Amino acid sequence: MNRVLMISNNRTREMGGGPEKEANKELLREQGWEVEIGYVPDPSISGILKEVPKLTRRVRSDDIDVMVTHCSPPELHALGYILKKITGEPWLAEFRDPLATNVHVDTGSYSHLQRRILEERVVISTDQVVWWDGIQMNDNHFKQSYPDLPESKFYKIPYLGFGGVEVEKFNRISTEKFDNFTITYAGSFYDGWIEPYGFLEGLSEYVRRHGSGGIQTQFYGDWKEEYQQKVCEENLEDIVTTYDPVPYNEIIPILKKSHLLLYVGGNDPRNRQNISLKMADYIAAESPILGVIDPTFRAGEFIRKENVGVTAHPKEPDSVADAIHTIRTADFNYDPNRYMKNRFDSRQAMEEYTHILNTVSEGERYTKKNQR
């Protein structure tokens, strides 16, 4: 059995995606790879330096075939850089967020400078760089930023959602739709960036036009008092219900029973290239998607191109109301195809990830030419 040491600030991941997610660890084990977690409780510079002696001994003594670091946080890549210099073992640098071009870091700031330096050191020293399709980074970023390095050093894993969806779990659940027309949102919001105000204004406009009978909206996740105030301002208390986050296995039937799944992407330019993890879950649930997002953003284009839902600009309540009406009156023909669903399947993504681990552990680079 081959062994991969995944250096992470999480002991495991029950939610979201990533190869260190429990279900994905089992899939990798089936492919001949045992996943060990190199846990870093404090991913600050001082915190990672404390872990260097322990992880160095572990890399050398546990018969590790390849080590993997990911970002964010970026300090994990710094730890990978140090361990590579000390041990010389194969190292795969995995990008789940941009480093030098992170939209949340001001260009020209000290933090931006640090990230640029770290990214350069990582890219030069690692055996291979991989990133997951869907992060907020141009696909040609590495090629343009490091033209002197071979293009084979960089590989995009072409599966959205980090291989986080267990399609079999969705397939096993057969449910009838809720009695009322139900709109569901599952996930987090972010201050000043991704928030539900535009949707609530559009929902209010829909109710003004068509009435509130037979419709309900439910939010699972974090919910702020400011959002509830907006609900009250729009007189939506009778049709908007909020819940705390629920375990993954419990949200699956809720998504499948819903008539419409809400994806909030907003219109902040920082979110232009992002497609969040929830898109994979929504696709697997096979319910139409309402994307409240600038239609020119990547997620908006994806929803329209793949015909998995409709989009509405967050600054245009009429557009949101029209979109809800389109789905409720069955004017939108939603016909999910199996290929679309399988693009997000954990098993398919982990199979490719296994090939990457095999190749890097053998001192080579994984490219399209050696796909199996």
Protein backbone atom coordinates (compact mmCIF):
# COMPACT_ATOMS: atom_id res chain seq x y z
CA MET A 1 0.00 0.00 0.00
CA ASN A 2 1.40 3.41 -0.98
CA ARG A 3 1.28 6.21 1.58
CA VAL A 4 0.57 9.90 1.10
CA LEU A 5 1.11 12.41 3.89
CA MET A 6 -1.43 15.21 3.54
CA ILE A 7 -0.36 18.22 5.57
CA SER A 8 -3.46 20.02 6.72
CA ASN A 9 -4.89 22.20 9.47
CA ASN A 10 -7.86 19.79 9.59
CA ARG A 11 -7.61 16.29 11.00
CA THR A 12 -10.29 15.26 8.55
CA ARG A 13 -13.05 16.84 6.50
CA GLU A 14 -16.60 15.67 7.00
CA MET A 15 -18.05 18.45 4.84
CA GLY A 16 -16.87 20.03 1.62
CA GLY A 17 -14.32 18.26 -0.49
CA GLY A 18 -10.66 17.46 -0.75
CA PRO A 19 -8.77 14.16 -0.79
CA GLU A 20 -8.61 14.19 3.03
CA LYS A 21 -12.39 14.00 3.31
CA GLU A 22 -13.28 10.69 4.99
CA ALA A 23 -15.24 9.32 2.04
CA ASN A 24 -12.49 10.33 -0.39
CA LYS A 25 -9.81 8.75 1.81
CA GLU A 26 -11.67 5.46 1.43
CA LEU A 27 -11.81 5.88 -2.35
CA LEU A 28 -8.05 6.50 -2.44
CA ARG A 29 -7.51 3.43 -0.26
CA GLU A 30 -9.39 1.36 -2.84
CA GLN A 31 -6.91 2.67 -5.41
CA GLY A 32 -3.92 1.59 -3.32
CA TRP A 33 -3.17 4.79 -1.40
CA GLU A 34 -3.31 5.10 2.38
CA VAL A 35 -3.92 8.70 3.47
CA GLU A 36 -2.14 9.94 6.57
CA ILE A 37 -2.82 13.41 7.92
CA GLY A 38 0.06 15.58 9.06
CA TYR A 39 -2.03 17.73 11.38
CA VAL A 40 -0.95 21.34 11.85
CA PRO A 41 -3.09 22.84 14.65
CA ASP A 42 -1.68 26.36 14.26
CA PRO A 43 -0.97 27.19 10.59
CA SER A 44 0.86 30.42 11.38
CA ILE A 45 4.57 30.85 10.63
CA SER A 46 5.50 30.16 14.25
CA GLY A 47 3.03 27.27 14.32
CA ILE A 48 4.42 25.51 11.25
CA LEU A 49 8.00 25.89 12.47
CA LYS A 50 7.03 23.95 15.60
CA GLU A 51 5.80 21.11 13.40
CA VAL A 52 8.93 20.82 11.24
CA PRO A 53 10.88 18.35 13.47
CA LYS A 54 7.86 16.05 14.00
CA LEU A 55 6.82 16.01 10.33
CA THR A 56 10.42 15.57 9.16
CA ARG A 57 10.73 12.42 11.28
CA ARG A 58 7.38 11.23 10.01
CA VAL A 59 8.27 11.70 6.36
CA ARG A 60 11.53 9.83 6.82
CA SER A 61 10.32 7.00 9.07
CA ASP A 62 6.78 6.22 7.89
CA ASP A 63 7.72 5.14 4.38
CA ILE A 64 5.89 8.11 2.85
CA ASP A 65 5.79 7.97 -0.95
CA VAL A 66 4.64 11.54 -1.54
CA MET A 67 3.62 14.51 0.61
CA VAL A 68 0.86 16.94 -0.27
CA THR A 69 0.22 20.49 0.89
CA HIS A 70 -2.70 22.70 -0.01
CA CYS A 71 -3.81 26.28 0.41
CA SER A 72 -5.51 27.99 2.02
CA PRO A 73 -3.99 28.71 4.48
CA PRO A 74 -0.86 29.56 2.48
CA GLU A 75 1.47 28.71 5.36
CA LEU A 76 0.90 25.02 4.65
CA HIS A 77 2.75 25.45 1.36
CA ALA A 78 5.57 27.13 3.27
CA LEU A 79 5.79 24.01 5.43
CA GLY A 80 5.87 21.84 2.33
CA TYR A 81 8.73 23.95 0.98
CA ILE A 82 10.73 23.47 4.19
CA LEU A 83 10.10 19.71 4.32
CA LYS A 84 11.08 19.33 0.68
CA LYS A 85 14.38 21.08 1.30
CA ILE A 86 15.10 18.87 4.33
CA THR A 87 13.93 15.46 3.10
CA GLY A 88 13.97 15.65 -0.69
CA GLU A 89 10.80 13.51 -0.80
CA PRO A 90 8.31 13.96 -3.68
CA TRP A 91 6.01 16.91 -3.02
CA LEU A 92 2.70 17.77 -4.66
CA ALA A 93 1.52 21.38 -4.16
CA GLU A 94 -2.27 21.57 -4.45
CA PHE A 95 -4.01 24.92 -4.95
CA ARG A 96 -7.61 25.17 -3.75
CA ASP A 97 -7.36 28.94 -3.59
CA PRO A 98 -5.13 31.35 -5.48
CA LEU A 99 -2.01 32.44 -3.65
CA ALA A 100 -0.40 35.43 -5.37
CA THR A 101 -3.65 36.51 -7.05
CA ASN A 102 -6.06 36.03 -4.15
CA VAL A 103 -8.90 38.52 -4.65
CA HIS A 104 -9.16 39.14 -0.91
CA VAL A 105 -5.60 40.46 -0.68
CA ASP A 106 -4.89 44.03 -1.84
CA THR A 107 -2.43 44.21 -4.70
CA GLY A 108 0.76 45.93 -3.57
CA SER A 109 0.18 45.20 0.11
CA TYR A 110 2.79 43.53 2.30
CA SER A 111 0.65 40.39 2.40
CA HIS A 112 0.46 40.37 -1.40
CA LEU A 113 4.26 40.64 -1.62
CA GLN A 114 4.68 37.75 0.81
CA ARG A 115 2.29 35.62 -1.21
CA ARG A 116 4.09 36.34 -4.47
CA ILE A 117 7.42 35.32 -2.95
CA LEU A 118 5.94 32.17 -1.39
CA GLU A 119 4.20 31.15 -4.60
CA GLU A 120 7.42 31.53 -6.58
CA ARG A 121 9.37 29.40 -4.06
CA VAL A 122 6.65 26.75 -4.05
CA VAL A 123 6.32 26.57 -7.83
CA ILE A 124 10.06 26.27 -8.35
CA SER A 125 10.65 23.68 -5.60
CA THR A 126 7.63 21.37 -5.80
CA ASP A 127 7.60 18.34 -8.06
CA GLN A 128 4.21 19.34 -9.48
CA VAL A 129 1.55 22.00 -9.08
CA VAL A 130 -2.11 21.04 -9.43
CA TRP A 131 -5.23 23.11 -8.99
CA TRP A 132 -8.92 22.28 -9.04
CA ASP A 133 -11.17 23.66 -11.71
CA GLY A 134 -13.45 26.29 -10.22
CA ILE A 135 -11.06 28.33 -8.07
CA GLN A 136 -10.75 32.07 -8.70
CA MET A 137 -7.67 31.92 -10.85
CA ASN A 138 -7.04 32.18 -14.57
CA ASP A 139 -6.11 28.84 -16.09
CA ASN A 140 -3.05 30.42 -17.71
CA HIS A 141 -1.80 32.04 -14.48
CA PHE A 142 1.17 29.72 -13.90
CA LYS A 143 2.17 29.57 -17.55
CA GLN A 144 2.21 33.37 -17.82
CA SER A 145 3.81 33.97 -14.42
CA TYR A 146 6.58 31.38 -14.80
CA PRO A 147 7.37 31.16 -18.52
CA ASP A 148 10.83 29.70 -17.86
CA LEU A 149 9.41 26.60 -16.18
CA PRO A 150 8.16 23.64 -18.24
CA GLU A 151 4.43 23.70 -18.85
CA SER A 152 4.28 20.06 -17.75
CA LYS A 153 4.83 21.19 -14.17
CA PHE A 154 1.29 22.56 -13.99
CA TYR A 155 -1.92 20.56 -14.22
CA LYS A 156 -5.55 21.56 -13.71
CA ILE A 157 -7.78 18.82 -12.30
CA PRO A 158 -10.86 19.28 -14.50
CA TYR A 159 -13.56 18.55 -11.94
CA LEU A 160 -15.47 21.26 -10.19
CA GLY A 161 -16.15 20.97 -6.50
CA PHE A 162 -12.90 19.24 -5.43
CA GLY A 163 -14.40 15.81 -5.97
CA GLY A 164 -16.63 16.46 -3.01
CA VAL A 165 -19.91 14.90 -4.11
CA GLU A 166 -20.76 11.32 -3.25
CA VAL A 167 -23.09 10.75 -6.19
CA GLU A 168 -24.07 7.29 -4.96
CA LYS A 169 -25.59 8.85 -1.83
CA PHE A 170 -27.75 11.12 -3.97
CA ASN A 171 -28.74 8.25 -6.26
CA ARG A 172 -29.85 6.06 -3.35
CA ILE A 173 -32.35 8.65 -2.13
CA SER A 174 -35.68 8.71 -3.92
CA THR A 175 -37.93 11.49 -2.66
CA GLU A 176 -41.09 13.30 -3.66
CA LYS A 177 -41.00 17.08 -3.86
CA PHE A 178 -42.25 19.18 -0.95
CA ASP A 179 -45.97 19.93 -1.06
CA ASN A 180 -45.33 23.67 -1.35
CA PHE A 181 -43.07 25.10 -4.04
CA THR A 182 -39.82 25.20 -2.08
CA ILE A 183 -36.66 27.25 -2.64
CA THR A 184 -33.65 26.07 -0.62
CA TYR A 185 -30.25 27.58 0.12
CA ALA A 186 -27.58 25.51 1.88
CA GLY A 187 -24.31 27.13 2.90
CA SER A 188 -22.66 30.25 4.22
CA PHE A 189 -22.82 33.95 3.46
CA TYR A 190 -19.95 36.44 3.53
CA ASP A 191 -20.14 40.06 4.65
CA GLY A 192 -20.24 42.55 1.82
CA TRP A 193 -19.52 39.87 -0.74
CA ILE A 194 -22.10 37.08 -0.91
CA GLU A 195 -25.32 38.01 0.90
CA PRO A 196 -29.05 37.27 0.38
CA TYR A 197 -30.39 40.83 0.08
CA GLY A 198 -30.87 40.80 -3.70
CA PHE A 199 -32.72 37.50 -3.59
CA LEU A 200 -35.00 38.66 -0.76
CA GLU A 201 -35.91 41.80 -2.72
CA GLY A 202 -36.68 39.66 -5.76
CA LEU A 203 -38.72 37.21 -3.69
CA SER A 204 -40.71 40.15 -2.31
CA GLU A 205 -41.39 41.35 -5.85
CA TYR A 206 -42.55 37.85 -6.81
CA VAL A 207 -44.97 37.78 -3.86
CA ARG A 208 -46.25 41.25 -4.78
CA ARG A 209 -47.08 39.99 -8.27
CA HIS A 210 -48.30 36.47 -7.59
CA GLY A 211 -49.09 36.23 -3.88
CA SER A 212 -47.44 34.11 -1.18
CA GLY A 213 -49.67 31.06 -1.41
CA GLY A 214 -48.03 27.69 -1.88
CA ILE A 215 -44.41 28.90 -1.72
CA GLN A 216 -41.74 28.56 0.95
CA THR A 217 -38.06 29.47 1.17
CA GLN A 218 -35.59 27.85 3.56
CA PHE A 219 -32.01 28.73 4.44
CA TYR A 220 -29.70 26.14 6.04
CA GLY A 221 -26.51 27.64 7.45
CA ASP A 222 -25.38 30.85 9.03
CA TRP A 223 -28.01 33.58 9.29
CA LYS A 224 -27.52 37.07 10.66
CA GLU A 225 -29.88 39.44 12.40
CA GLU A 226 -29.39 41.89 9.52
CA TYR A 227 -30.75 39.29 7.10
CA GLN A 228 -33.76 38.67 9.31
CA GLN A 229 -34.41 42.40 9.47
CA LYS A 230 -34.48 42.43 5.68
CA VAL A 231 -36.99 39.55 5.75
CA CYS A 232 -39.22 41.63 8.02
CA GLU A 233 -38.83 44.77 5.89
CA GLU A 234 -39.96 42.81 2.84
CA ASN A 235 -42.87 41.18 4.76
CA LEU A 236 -41.56 37.70 4.07
CA GLU A 237 -41.76 36.28 7.60
CA ASP A 238 -44.46 33.78 6.62
CA ILE A 239 -42.54 32.19 3.77
CA VAL A 240 -38.87 32.43 4.83
CA THR A 241 -37.61 29.93 7.40
CA THR A 242 -34.03 29.59 8.64
CA TYR A 243 -32.25 26.57 10.11
CA ASP A 244 -28.86 25.83 11.59
CA PRO A 245 -26.43 23.81 9.46
CA VAL A 246 -27.26 20.10 9.29
CA PRO A 247 -25.03 17.08 8.58
CA TYR A 248 -24.32 16.31 4.95
CA ASN A 249 -26.44 13.16 4.89
CA GLU A 250 -29.42 15.15 6.14
CA ILE A 251 -29.16 17.97 3.61
CA ILE A 252 -29.18 15.59 0.62
CA PRO A 253 -32.90 14.69 0.78
CA ILE A 254 -33.78 18.34 1.47
CA LEU A 255 -32.01 19.42 -1.70
CA LYS A 256 -33.66 16.66 -3.72
CA LYS A 257 -37.15 17.50 -2.39
CA SER A 258 -36.78 21.19 -3.25
CA HIS A 259 -38.22 22.65 -6.42
CA LEU A 260 -35.51 25.30 -6.77
CA LEU A 261 -32.01 25.58 -5.30
CA LEU A 262 -30.64 29.04 -4.61
CA TYR A 263 -27.07 29.88 -5.60
CA VAL A 264 -25.94 33.36 -4.54
CA GLY A 265 -22.89 34.61 -6.40
CA GLY A 266 -23.49 38.36 -6.14
CA ASN A 267 -21.88 40.98 -8.36
CA ASP A 268 -18.62 41.66 -6.52
CA PRO A 269 -15.77 41.39 -9.07
CA ARG A 270 -13.81 39.33 -6.52
CA ASN A 271 -16.27 36.51 -7.18
CA ARG A 272 -16.07 36.68 -10.97
CA GLN A 273 -14.22 33.39 -11.49
CA ASN A 274 -15.52 31.40 -8.54
CA ILE A 275 -17.78 28.36 -8.66
CA SER A 276 -18.39 27.25 -5.10
CA LEU A 277 -18.60 23.74 -3.70
CA LYS A 278 -22.37 23.90 -3.38
CA MET A 279 -22.74 23.86 -7.17
CA ALA A 280 -21.64 20.22 -7.16
CA ASP A 281 -24.21 19.29 -4.51
CA TYR A 282 -26.92 21.16 -6.37
CA ILE A 283 -26.15 19.37 -9.62
CA ALA A 284 -26.18 15.99 -7.88
CA ALA A 285 -29.58 16.78 -6.34
CA GLU A 286 -31.03 17.21 -9.84
CA SER A 287 -33.19 20.20 -8.91
CA PRO A 288 -33.15 23.41 -10.98
CA ILE A 289 -30.82 26.17 -9.82
CA LEU A 290 -31.56 29.87 -9.44
CA GLY A 291 -28.29 31.75 -9.71
CA VAL A 292 -28.59 35.23 -8.22
CA ILE A 293 -25.38 36.43 -9.76
CA ASP A 294 -23.97 38.73 -12.38
CA PRO A 295 -24.72 36.64 -15.51
CA THR A 296 -21.25 37.35 -16.91
CA PHE A 297 -19.55 35.68 -13.94
CA ARG A 298 -18.22 32.16 -14.39
CA ALA A 299 -20.89 30.50 -12.25
CA GLY A 300 -23.65 32.38 -14.08
CA GLU A 301 -22.30 31.32 -17.45
CA PHE A 302 -21.98 27.76 -16.19
CA ILE A 303 -25.63 27.60 -15.08
CA ARG A 304 -26.86 28.89 -18.43
CA LYS A 305 -24.47 26.95 -20.64
CA GLU A 306 -25.18 23.63 -18.96
CA ASN A 307 -28.92 24.37 -18.82
CA VAL A 308 -29.16 23.47 -15.13
CA GLY A 309 -31.12 26.57 -14.12
CA VAL A 310 -31.73 30.25 -14.65
CA THR A 311 -29.84 33.36 -13.59
CA ALA A 312 -30.93 36.75 -12.30
CA HIS A 313 -28.85 39.82 -11.52
CA PRO A 314 -28.74 40.52 -7.75
CA LYS A 315 -29.42 44.22 -8.37
CA GLU A 316 -32.57 43.54 -10.41
CA PRO A 317 -35.51 42.33 -8.24
CA ASP A 318 -37.72 42.05 -11.32
CA SER A 319 -35.24 39.62 -12.83
CA VAL A 320 -35.24 37.46 -9.68
CA ALA A 321 -39.05 37.45 -9.62
CA ASP A 322 -39.19 36.49 -13.30
CA ALA A 323 -36.75 33.63 -12.71
CA ILE A 324 -38.80 32.19 -9.83
CA HIS A 325 -41.95 32.42 -11.96
CA THR A 326 -40.20 30.71 -14.87
CA ILE A 327 -39.33 27.67 -12.76
CA ARG A 328 -42.64 27.53 -10.91
CA THR A 329 -44.68 27.60 -14.10
CA ALA A 330 -42.45 24.93 -15.69
CA ASP A 331 -41.43 27.29 -18.49
CA PHE A 332 -37.86 26.13 -17.93
CA ASN A 333 -37.18 22.63 -19.22
CA TYR A 334 -34.75 21.07 -16.73
CA ASP A 335 -33.35 17.80 -18.00
CA PRO A 336 -30.13 16.89 -16.17
CA ASN A 337 -27.92 14.47 -18.03
CA ARG A 338 -25.79 11.77 -16.47
CA TYR A 339 -22.54 13.20 -17.84
CA MET A 340 -23.21 16.48 -16.08
CA LYS A 341 -23.79 14.76 -12.75
CA ASN A 342 -20.77 12.49 -13.06
CA ARG A 343 -18.45 15.44 -13.62
CA PHE A 344 -18.76 16.09 -9.90
CA ASP A 345 -18.45 12.51 -8.73
CA SER A 346 -15.91 11.86 -5.97
CA ARG A 347 -15.00 8.49 -7.42
CA GLN A 348 -14.08 9.91 -10.83
CA ALA A 349 -12.10 12.78 -9.30
CA MET A 350 -10.25 10.50 -6.86
CA GLU A 351 -9.32 8.11 -9.65
CA GLU A 352 -7.56 10.95 -11.43
CA TYR A 353 -6.02 12.14 -8.17
CA THR A 354 -4.65 8.61 -7.71
CA HIS A 355 -2.95 8.77 -11.11
CA ILE A 356 -1.39 12.10 -10.10
CA LEU A 357 -0.05 10.61 -6.85
CA ASN A 358 1.31 7.59 -8.71
CA THR A 359 3.10 9.75 -11.25
CA VAL A 360 4.60 12.24 -8.78
CA SER A 361 5.73 9.49 -6.42
CA GLU A 362 7.64 7.95 -9.35
CA GLY A 363 9.51 11.19 -9.96
CA GLU A 364 7.50 12.20 -13.01
CA ARG A 365 4.84 14.80 -13.82
CA TYR A 366 1.24 14.10 -14.58
CA THR A 367 0.02 15.58 -17.85
CA LYS A 368 -2.79 15.00 -20.31
CA LYS A 369 -0.45 12.76 -22.26
CA ASN A 370 -0.20 10.20 -19.46
CA GLN A 371 -3.87 10.17 -18.49
CA ARG A 372 -5.11 6.62 -18.14
